[in-house]
Amino acid sequence: MNPSPKLTGRAMQSVLRHAGIPVQKVTRKRQSGYYVADFYTPELNKAVPSSHVWERWLVSSFPDQFEVIDRHDTVATWRQGKPTISASVTFRLR
């Protein structure tokens, strides 16, 4: 599937889910046009893969179509094992 460069966040979320990427939420920043894909579990009670894992999945699912701008992980340092409880990847379409 070839995503259009002007998709809303919700439409991009549908594109990613259709490609098998279990994203919870996608927003599109109006000023920059960047998309932010968020990955987490309800109540943030289970660990999720790091943003590096999600970045590789996005890029491999859409070769030469996404440019990753930034990544962020929220790590629960107070929990045993310091799990990643949410991850986000900021990207744009090429």
PDB file of N, CA and C in Angstrom:
ATOM      1  N   MET A   1       0.846  -1.178   0.000  1.00  0.00           N
ATOM      2  CA  MET A   1       0.000   0.000   0.000  1.00  0.00           C
ATOM      3  C   MET A   1       0.887   1.235   0.000  1.00  0.00           C
ATOM      4  N   ASN A   2       0.590   2.186  -0.841  1.00  0.00           N
ATOM      5  CA  ASN A   2       1.373   3.407  -0.966  1.00  0.00           C
ATOM      6  C   ASN A   2       0.623   4.547  -0.287  1.00  0.00           C
ATOM      7  N   PRO A   3       1.063   4.982   0.916  1.00  0.00           N
ATOM      8  CA  PRO A   3       0.349   6.040   1.614  1.00  0.00           C
ATOM      9  C   PRO A   3       0.474   7.390   0.920  1.00  0.00           C
ATOM     10  N   SER A   4      -0.623   8.136   0.921  1.00  0.00           N
ATOM     11  CA  SER A   4      -0.646   9.477   0.351  1.00  0.00           C
ATOM     12  C   SER A   4       0.057  10.441   1.298  1.00  0.00           C
ATOM     13  N   PRO A   5       0.757  11.454   0.791  1.00  0.00           N
ATOM     14  CA  PRO A   5       1.471  12.375   1.662  1.00  0.00           C
ATOM     15  C   PRO A   5       0.580  13.299   2.488  1.00  0.00           C
ATOM     16  N   LYS A   6      -0.733  13.290   2.271  1.00  0.00           N
ATOM     17  CA  LYS A   6      -1.594  14.210   3.015  1.00  0.00           C
ATOM     18  C   LYS A   6      -2.634  13.475   3.859  1.00  0.00           C
ATOM     19  N   LEU A   7      -2.338  12.284   4.302  1.00  0.00           N
ATOM     20  CA  LEU A   7      -3.274  11.530   5.123  1.00  0.00           C
ATOM     21  C   LEU A   7      -3.410  12.146   6.508  1.00  0.00           C
ATOM     22  N   THR A   8      -4.592  12.048   7.086  1.00  0.00           N
ATOM     23  CA  THR A   8      -4.775  12.440   8.480  1.00  0.00           C
ATOM     24  C   THR A   8      -4.102  11.398   9.362  1.00  0.00           C
ATOM     25  N   GLY A   9      -3.967  11.716  10.629  1.00  0.00           N
ATOM     26  CA  GLY A   9      -3.397  10.750  11.563  1.00  0.00           C
ATOM     27  C   GLY A   9      -4.208   9.470  11.621  1.00  0.00           C
ATOM     28  N   ARG A  10      -5.514   9.614  11.669  1.00  0.00           N
ATOM     29  CA  ARG A  10      -6.387   8.441  11.738  1.00  0.00           C
ATOM     30  C   ARG A  10      -6.271   7.590  10.470  1.00  0.00           C
ATOM     31  N   ALA A  11      -6.174   8.240   9.308  1.00  0.00           N
ATOM     32  CA  ALA A  11      -6.021   7.499   8.052  1.00  0.00           C
ATOM     33  C   ALA A  11      -4.671   6.781   8.012  1.00  0.00           C
ATOM     34  N   MET A  12      -3.612   7.435   8.494  1.00  0.00           N
ATOM     35  CA  MET A  12      -2.294   6.791   8.539  1.00  0.00           C
ATOM     36  C   MET A  12      -2.320   5.610   9.506  1.00  0.00           C
ATOM     37  N   GLN A  13      -3.043   5.754  10.596  1.00  0.00           N
ATOM     38  CA  GLN A  13      -3.187   4.648  11.543  1.00  0.00           C
ATOM     39  C   GLN A  13      -3.812   3.437  10.849  1.00  0.00           C
ATOM     40  N   SER A  14      -4.811   3.671  10.037  1.00  0.00           N
ATOM     41  CA  SER A  14      -5.447   2.579   9.286  1.00  0.00           C
ATOM     42  C   SER A  14      -4.469   1.929   8.311  1.00  0.00           C
ATOM     43  N   VAL A  15      -3.653   2.748   7.640  1.00  0.00           N
ATOM     44  CA  VAL A  15      -2.652   2.222   6.705  1.00  0.00           C
ATOM     45  C   VAL A  15      -1.668   1.316   7.449  1.00  0.00           C
ATOM     46  N   LEU A  16      -1.193   1.783   8.603  1.00  0.00           N
ATOM     47  CA  LEU A  16      -0.219   1.002   9.369  1.00  0.00           C
ATOM     48  C   LEU A  16      -0.832  -0.297   9.879  1.00  0.00           C
ATOM     49  N   ARG A  17      -2.042  -0.214  10.391  1.00  0.00           N
ATOM     50  CA  ARG A  17      -2.706  -1.432  10.882  1.00  0.00           C
ATOM     51  C   ARG A  17      -2.960  -2.416   9.747  1.00  0.00           C
ATOM     52  N   HIS A  18      -3.329  -1.904   8.582  1.00  0.00           N
ATOM     53  CA  HIS A  18      -3.548  -2.767   7.420  1.00  0.00           C
ATOM     54  C   HIS A  18      -2.254  -3.501   7.040  1.00  0.00           C
ATOM     55  N   ALA A  19      -1.114  -2.860   7.285  1.00  0.00           N
ATOM     56  CA  ALA A  19       0.191  -3.468   7.009  1.00  0.00           C
ATOM     57  C   ALA A  19       0.633  -4.406   8.132  1.00  0.00           C
ATOM     58  N   GLY A  20      -0.198  -4.562   9.167  1.00  0.00           N
ATOM     59  CA  GLY A  20       0.123  -5.478  10.261  1.00  0.00           C
ATOM     60  C   GLY A  20       0.880  -4.861  11.413  1.00  0.00           C
ATOM     61  N   ILE A  21       0.979  -3.542  11.445  1.00  0.00           N
ATOM     62  CA  ILE A  21       1.693  -2.851  12.520  1.00  0.00           C
ATOM     63  C   ILE A  21       0.668  -2.447  13.581  1.00  0.00           C
ATOM     64  N   PRO A  22       0.774  -2.990  14.790  1.00  0.00           N
ATOM     65  CA  PRO A  22      -0.239  -2.757  15.821  1.00  0.00           C
ATOM     66  C   PRO A  22      -0.081  -1.422  16.557  1.00  0.00           C
ATOM     67  N   VAL A  23      -0.252  -0.346  15.845  1.00  0.00           N
ATOM     68  CA  VAL A  23      -0.122   0.995  16.419  1.00  0.00           C
ATOM     69  C   VAL A  23      -1.406   1.349  17.174  1.00  0.00           C
ATOM     70  N   GLN A  24      -1.276   2.015  18.312  1.00  0.00           N
ATOM     71  CA  GLN A  24      -2.444   2.408  19.089  1.00  0.00           C
ATOM     72  C   GLN A  24      -3.007   3.751  18.641  1.00  0.00           C
ATOM     73  N   LYS A  25      -2.119   4.657  18.222  1.00  0.00           N
ATOM     74  CA  LYS A  25      -2.577   6.002  17.871  1.00  0.00           C
ATOM     75  C   LYS A  25      -1.561   6.644  16.928  1.00  0.00           C
ATOM     76  N   VAL A  26      -2.070   7.400  15.953  1.00  0.00           N
ATOM     77  CA  VAL A  26      -1.200   8.184  15.070  1.00  0.00           C
ATOM     78  C   VAL A  26      -1.778   9.586  14.987  1.00  0.00           C
ATOM     79  N   THR A  27      -0.931  10.575  15.183  1.00  0.00           N
ATOM     80  CA  THR A  27      -1.342  11.965  15.013  1.00  0.00           C
ATOM     81  C   THR A  27      -0.458  12.584  13.937  1.00  0.00           C
ATOM     82  N   ARG A  28      -1.009  13.594  13.271  1.00  0.00           N
ATOM     83  CA  ARG A  28      -0.245  14.323  12.253  1.00  0.00           C
ATOM     84  C   ARG A  28      -0.076  15.750  12.739  1.00  0.00           C
ATOM     85  N   LYS A  29       1.148  16.201  12.805  1.00  0.00           N
ATOM     86  CA  LYS A  29       1.447  17.563  13.239  1.00  0.00           C
ATOM     87  C   LYS A  29       1.169  18.521  12.089  1.00  0.00           C
ATOM     88  N   ARG A  30       0.294  19.474  12.317  1.00  0.00           N
ATOM     89  CA  ARG A  30      -0.114  20.398  11.249  1.00  0.00           C
ATOM     90  C   ARG A  30       1.038  21.217  10.698  1.00  0.00           C
ATOM     91  N   GLN A  31       1.834  21.764  11.590  1.00  0.00           N
ATOM     92  CA  GLN A  31       2.888  22.681  11.157  1.00  0.00           C
ATOM     93  C   GLN A  31       3.975  21.977  10.337  1.00  0.00           C
ATOM     94  N   SER A  32       4.417  20.828  10.803  1.00  0.00           N
ATOM     95  CA  SER A  32       5.517  20.130  10.127  1.00  0.00           C
ATOM     96  C   SER A  32       5.042  19.067   9.141  1.00  0.00           C
ATOM     97  N   GLY A  33       3.831  18.551   9.357  1.00  0.00           N
ATOM     98  CA  GLY A  33       3.342  17.449   8.531  1.00  0.00           C
ATOM     99  C   GLY A  33       3.863  16.098   8.984  1.00  0.00           C
ATOM    100  N   TYR A  34       4.636  16.080  10.072  1.00  0.00           N
ATOM    101  CA  TYR A  34       5.172  14.828  10.602  1.00  0.00           C
ATOM    102  C   TYR A  34       4.062  14.018  11.257  1.00  0.00           C
ATOM    103  N   TYR A  35       4.239  12.708  11.234  1.00  0.00           N
ATOM    104  CA  TYR A  35       3.330  11.796  11.919  1.00  0.00           C
ATOM    105  C   TYR A  35       4.018  11.281  13.177  1.00  0.00           C
ATOM    106  N   VAL A  36       3.238  11.090  14.237  1.00  0.00           N
ATOM    107  CA  VAL A  36       3.745  10.489  15.467  1.00  0.00           C
ATOM    108  C   VAL A  36       2.931   9.232  15.718  1.00  0.00           C
ATOM    109  N   ALA A  37       3.604   8.087  15.664  1.00  0.00           N
ATOM    110  CA  ALA A  37       2.957   6.800  15.908  1.00  0.00           C
ATOM    111  C   ALA A  37       3.260   6.385  17.342  1.00  0.00           C
ATOM    112  N   ASP A  38       2.207   6.115  18.112  1.00  0.00           N
ATOM    113  CA  ASP A  38       2.350   5.732  19.516  1.00  0.00           C
ATOM    114  C   ASP A  38       2.019   4.261  19.706  1.00  0.00           C
ATOM    115  N   PHE A  39       2.859   3.600  20.498  1.00  0.00           N
ATOM    116  CA  PHE A  39       2.705   2.179  20.788  1.00  0.00           C
ATOM    117  C   PHE A  39       2.682   1.999  22.301  1.00  0.00           C
ATOM    118  N   TYR A  40       1.608   1.413  22.818  1.00  0.00           N
ATOM    119  CA  TYR A  40       1.475   1.171  24.256  1.00  0.00           C
ATOM    120  C   TYR A  40       0.358   0.153  24.470  1.00  0.00           C
ATOM    121  N   THR A  41       0.245  -0.330  25.699  1.00  0.00           N
ATOM    122  CA  THR A  41      -0.865  -1.218  26.041  1.00  0.00           C
ATOM    123  C   THR A  41      -1.821  -0.445  26.941  1.00  0.00           C
ATOM    124  N   PRO A  42      -3.088  -0.828  26.970  1.00  0.00           N
ATOM    125  CA  PRO A  42      -4.037  -0.147  27.846  1.00  0.00           C
ATOM    126  C   PRO A  42      -3.530  -0.148  29.290  1.00  0.00           C
ATOM    127  N   GLU A  43      -3.733   0.966  29.953  1.00  0.00           N
ATOM    128  CA  GLU A  43      -3.316   1.134  31.349  1.00  0.00           C
ATOM    129  C   GLU A  43      -1.788   1.115  31.518  1.00  0.00           C
ATOM    130  N   LEU A  44      -1.065   1.019  30.422  1.00  0.00           N
ATOM    131  CA  LEU A  44       0.406   0.970  30.446  1.00  0.00           C
ATOM    132  C   LEU A  44       0.920  -0.113  31.393  1.00  0.00           C
ATOM    133  N   ASN A  45       0.188  -1.236  31.453  1.00  0.00           N
ATOM    134  CA  ASN A  45       0.530  -2.268  32.426  1.00  0.00           C
ATOM    135  C   ASN A  45       1.447  -3.359  31.891  1.00  0.00           C
ATOM    136  N   LYS A  46       1.739  -3.370  30.604  1.00  0.00           N
ATOM    137  CA  LYS A  46       2.643  -4.368  30.033  1.00  0.00           C
ATOM    138  C   LYS A  46       3.729  -3.667  29.231  1.00  0.00           C
ATOM    139  N   ALA A  47       4.854  -4.336  29.155  1.00  0.00           N
ATOM    140  CA  ALA A  47       5.967  -3.787  28.376  1.00  0.00           C
ATOM    141  C   ALA A  47       5.668  -3.875  26.882  1.00  0.00           C
ATOM    142  N   VAL A  48       6.218  -2.934  26.144  1.00  0.00           N
ATOM    143  CA  VAL A  48       6.134  -2.941  24.680  1.00  0.00           C
ATOM    144  C   VAL A  48       7.563  -2.908  24.137  1.00  0.00           C
ATOM    145  N   PRO A  49       7.757  -3.316  22.895  1.00  0.00           N
ATOM    146  CA  PRO A  49       9.095  -3.205  22.299  1.00  0.00           C
ATOM    147  C   PRO A  49       9.547  -1.735  22.244  1.00  0.00           C
ATOM    148  N   SER A  50      10.838  -1.536  22.185  1.00  0.00           N
ATOM    149  CA  SER A  50      11.385  -0.176  22.147  1.00  0.00           C
ATOM    150  C   SER A  50      11.068   0.509  20.818  1.00  0.00           C
ATOM    151  N   SER A  51      11.250   1.804  20.796  1.00  0.00           N
ATOM    152  CA  SER A  51      10.985   2.581  19.582  1.00  0.00           C
ATOM    153  C   SER A  51      11.899   2.159  18.427  1.00  0.00           C
ATOM    154  N   HIS A  52      13.080   1.639  18.734  1.00  0.00           N
ATOM    155  CA  HIS A  52      13.979   1.158  17.672  1.00  0.00           C
ATOM    156  C   HIS A  52      13.348  -0.016  16.925  1.00  0.00           C
ATOM    157  N   VAL A  53      12.677  -0.895  17.661  1.00  0.00           N
ATOM    158  CA  VAL A  53      12.003  -2.045  17.042  1.00  0.00           C
ATOM    159  C   VAL A  53      10.882  -1.562  16.137  1.00  0.00           C
ATOM    160  N   TRP A  54      10.077  -0.613  16.633  1.00  0.00           N
ATOM    161  CA  TRP A  54       8.966  -0.081  15.816  1.00  0.00           C
ATOM    162  C   TRP A  54       9.499   0.650  14.590  1.00  0.00           C
ATOM    163  N   GLU A  55      10.596   1.379  14.751  1.00  0.00           N
ATOM    164  CA  GLU A  55      11.193   2.073  13.604  1.00  0.00           C
ATOM    165  C   GLU A  55      11.575   1.076  12.511  1.00  0.00           C
ATOM    166  N   ARG A  56      12.254   0.000  12.892  1.00  0.00           N
ATOM    167  CA  ARG A  56      12.655  -1.006  11.898  1.00  0.00           C
ATOM    168  C   ARG A  56      11.434  -1.617  11.217  1.00  0.00           C
ATOM    169  N   TRP A  57      10.365  -1.854  11.975  1.00  0.00           N
ATOM    170  CA  TRP A  57       9.154  -2.443  11.412  1.00  0.00           C
ATOM    171  C   TRP A  57       8.514  -1.488  10.400  1.00  0.00           C
ATOM    172  N   LEU A  58       8.429  -0.210  10.765  1.00  0.00           N
ATOM    173  CA  LEU A  58       7.859   0.784   9.849  1.00  0.00           C
ATOM    174  C   LEU A  58       8.668   0.878   8.555  1.00  0.00           C
ATOM    175  N   VAL A  59       9.972   1.013   8.702  1.00  0.00           N
ATOM    176  CA  VAL A  59      10.836   1.196   7.536  1.00  0.00           C
ATOM    177  C   VAL A  59      10.844  -0.052   6.654  1.00  0.00           C
ATOM    178  N   SER A  60      10.839  -1.231   7.263  1.00  0.00           N
ATOM    179  CA  SER A  60      10.851  -2.452   6.446  1.00  0.00           C
ATOM    180  C   SER A  60       9.498  -2.715   5.790  1.00  0.00           C
ATOM    181  N   SER A  61       8.422  -2.249   6.398  1.00  0.00           N
ATOM    182  CA  SER A  61       7.089  -2.433   5.812  1.00  0.00           C
ATOM    183  C   SER A  61       6.834  -1.469   4.659  1.00  0.00           C
ATOM    184  N   PHE A  62       7.490  -0.321   4.692  1.00  0.00           N
ATOM    185  CA  PHE A  62       7.311   0.704   3.662  1.00  0.00           C
ATOM    186  C   PHE A  62       8.685   1.184   3.190  1.00  0.00           C
ATOM    187  N   PRO A  63       9.422   0.336   2.462  1.00  0.00           N
ATOM    188  CA  PRO A  63      10.780   0.704   2.037  1.00  0.00           C
ATOM    189  C   PRO A  63      10.800   1.999   1.220  1.00  0.00           C
ATOM    190  N   ASP A  64      11.722   2.869   1.577  1.00  0.00           N
ATOM    191  CA  ASP A  64      11.950   4.137   0.869  1.00  0.00           C
ATOM    192  C   ASP A  64      10.745   5.077   0.878  1.00  0.00           C
ATOM    193  N   GLN A  65       9.780   4.857   1.762  1.00  0.00           N
ATOM    194  CA  GLN A  65       8.611   5.733   1.823  1.00  0.00           C
ATOM    195  C   GLN A  65       8.568   6.569   3.099  1.00  0.00           C
ATOM    196  N   PHE A  66       9.170   6.069   4.184  1.00  0.00           N
ATOM    197  CA  PHE A  66       9.149   6.776   5.460  1.00  0.00           C
ATOM    198  C   PHE A  66      10.554   7.226   5.824  1.00  0.00           C
ATOM    199  N   GLU A  67      10.646   8.433   6.340  1.00  0.00           N
ATOM    200  CA  GLU A  67      11.895   8.910   6.930  1.00  0.00           C
ATOM    201  C   GLU A  67      11.629   9.132   8.409  1.00  0.00           C
ATOM    202  N   VAL A  68      12.350   8.435   9.260  1.00  0.00           N
ATOM    203  CA  VAL A  68      12.168   8.579  10.701  1.00  0.00           C
ATOM    204  C   VAL A  68      12.896   9.836  11.157  1.00  0.00           C
ATOM    205  N   ILE A  69      12.164  10.670  11.876  1.00  0.00           N
ATOM    206  CA  ILE A  69      12.697  11.940  12.373  1.00  0.00           C
ATOM    207  C   ILE A  69      13.196  11.798  13.806  1.00  0.00           C
ATOM    208  N   ASP A  70      12.434  11.056  14.622  1.00  0.00           N
ATOM    209  CA  ASP A  70      12.761  10.936  16.042  1.00  0.00           C
ATOM    210  C   ASP A  70      12.099   9.690  16.616  1.00  0.00           C
ATOM    211  N   ARG A  71      12.599   9.256  17.759  1.00  0.00           N
ATOM    212  CA  ARG A  71      12.024   8.141  18.509  1.00  0.00           C
ATOM    213  C   ARG A  71      12.027   8.515  19.978  1.00  0.00           C
ATOM    214  N   HIS A  72      11.094   7.922  20.719  1.00  0.00           N
ATOM    215  CA  HIS A  72      11.069   8.163  22.163  1.00  0.00           C
ATOM    216  C   HIS A  72      10.506   6.943  22.874  1.00  0.00           C
ATOM    217  N   ASP A  73      11.137   6.572  23.975  1.00  0.00           N
ATOM    218  CA  ASP A  73      10.656   5.493  24.831  1.00  0.00           C
ATOM    219  C   ASP A  73      10.359   6.053  26.212  1.00  0.00           C
ATOM    220  N   THR A  74       9.265   5.604  26.801  1.00  0.00           N
ATOM    221  CA  THR A  74       8.979   5.892  28.201  1.00  0.00           C
ATOM    222  C   THR A  74       9.283   4.616  28.967  1.00  0.00           C
ATOM    223  N   VAL A  75      10.279   4.698  29.834  1.00  0.00           N
ATOM    224  CA  VAL A  75      10.738   3.534  30.583  1.00  0.00           C
ATOM    225  C   VAL A  75      10.282   3.676  32.031  1.00  0.00           C
ATOM    226  N   ALA A  76       9.675   2.616  32.550  1.00  0.00           N
ATOM    227  CA  ALA A  76       9.205   2.604  33.940  1.00  0.00           C
ATOM    228  C   ALA A  76      10.376   2.214  34.838  1.00  0.00           C
ATOM    229  N   THR A  77      11.177   3.200  35.204  1.00  0.00           N
ATOM    230  CA  THR A  77      12.375   2.931  36.004  1.00  0.00           C
ATOM    231  C   THR A  77      12.036   2.433  37.403  1.00  0.00           C
ATOM    232  N   TRP A  78      10.828   2.665  37.856  1.00  0.00           N
ATOM    233  CA  TRP A  78      10.401   2.245  39.181  1.00  0.00           C
ATOM    234  C   TRP A  78       9.926   0.787  39.209  1.00  0.00           C
ATOM    235  N   ARG A  79       9.756   0.178  38.040  1.00  0.00           N
ATOM    236  CA  ARG A  79       9.315  -1.221  37.976  1.00  0.00           C
ATOM    237  C   ARG A  79      10.512  -2.158  37.816  1.00  0.00           C
ATOM    238  N   GLN A  80      10.338  -3.364  38.295  1.00  0.00           N
ATOM    239  CA  GLN A  80      11.388  -4.363  38.165  1.00  0.00           C
ATOM    240  C   GLN A  80      11.673  -4.630  36.685  1.00  0.00           C
ATOM    241  N   GLY A  81      12.920  -4.615  36.318  1.00  0.00           N
ATOM    242  CA  GLY A  81      13.316  -4.843  34.936  1.00  0.00           C
ATOM    243  C   GLY A  81      13.273  -3.595  34.069  1.00  0.00           C
ATOM    244  N   LYS A  82      12.761  -2.496  34.597  1.00  0.00           N
ATOM    245  CA  LYS A  82      12.679  -1.214  33.882  1.00  0.00           C
ATOM    246  C   LYS A  82      12.102  -1.372  32.474  1.00  0.00           C
ATOM    247  N   PRO A  83      10.850  -1.834  32.375  1.00  0.00           N
ATOM    248  CA  PRO A  83      10.262  -2.071  31.053  1.00  0.00           C
ATOM    249  C   PRO A  83       9.913  -0.777  30.316  1.00  0.00           C
ATOM    250  N   THR A  84       9.902  -0.858  29.004  1.00  0.00           N
ATOM    251  CA  THR A  84       9.394   0.235  28.172  1.00  0.00           C
ATOM    252  C   THR A  84       7.876   0.115  28.192  1.00  0.00           C
ATOM    253  N   ILE A  85       7.186   1.159  28.672  1.00  0.00           N
ATOM    254  CA  ILE A  85       5.723   1.089  28.759  1.00  0.00           C
ATOM    255  C   ILE A  85       5.032   1.831  27.622  1.00  0.00           C
ATOM    256  N   SER A  86       5.775   2.673  26.920  1.00  0.00           N
ATOM    257  CA  SER A  86       5.245   3.280  25.697  1.00  0.00           C
ATOM    258  C   SER A  86       6.420   3.701  24.818  1.00  0.00           C
ATOM    259  N   ALA A  87       6.154   3.688  23.535  1.00  0.00           N
ATOM    260  CA  ALA A  87       7.178   4.063  22.561  1.00  0.00           C
ATOM    261  C   ALA A  87       6.512   4.897  21.481  1.00  0.00           C
ATOM    262  N   SER A  88       7.246   5.836  20.931  1.00  0.00           N
ATOM    263  CA  SER A  88       6.705   6.628  19.823  1.00  0.00           C
ATOM    264  C   SER A  88       7.783   6.811  18.761  1.00  0.00           C
ATOM    265  N   VAL A  89       7.302   6.891  17.528  1.00  0.00           N
ATOM    266  CA  VAL A  89       8.191   7.110  16.388  1.00  0.00           C
ATOM    267  C   VAL A  89       7.611   8.267  15.583  1.00  0.00           C
ATOM    268  N   THR A  90       8.415   9.292  15.361  1.00  0.00           N
ATOM    269  CA  THR A  90       8.012  10.433  14.547  1.00  0.00           C
ATOM    270  C   THR A  90       8.619  10.240  13.159  1.00  0.00           C
ATOM    271  N   PHE A  91       7.775  10.356  12.131  1.00  0.00           N
ATOM    272  CA  PHE A  91       8.253  10.121  10.772  1.00  0.00           C
ATOM    273  C   PHE A  91       7.529  11.024   9.790  1.00  0.00           C
ATOM    274  N   ARG A  92       8.069  11.081   8.591  1.00  0.00           N
ATOM    275  CA  ARG A  92       7.405  11.795   7.502  1.00  0.00           C
ATOM    276  C   ARG A  92       7.450  10.911   6.272  1.00  0.00           C
ATOM    277  N   LEU A  93       6.591  11.213   5.335  1.00  0.00           N
ATOM    278  CA  LEU A  93       6.580  10.485   4.074  1.00  0.00           C
ATOM    279  C   LEU A  93       7.573  11.125   3.123  1.00  0.00           C
ATOM    280  N   ARG A  94       8.239  10.323   2.339  1.00  0.00           N
ATOM    281  CA  ARG A  94       9.211  10.843   1.361  1.00  0.00           C
ATOM    282  C   ARG A  94       8.520  11.204   0.085  1.00  0.00           C
TER     283      ARG A  94
END
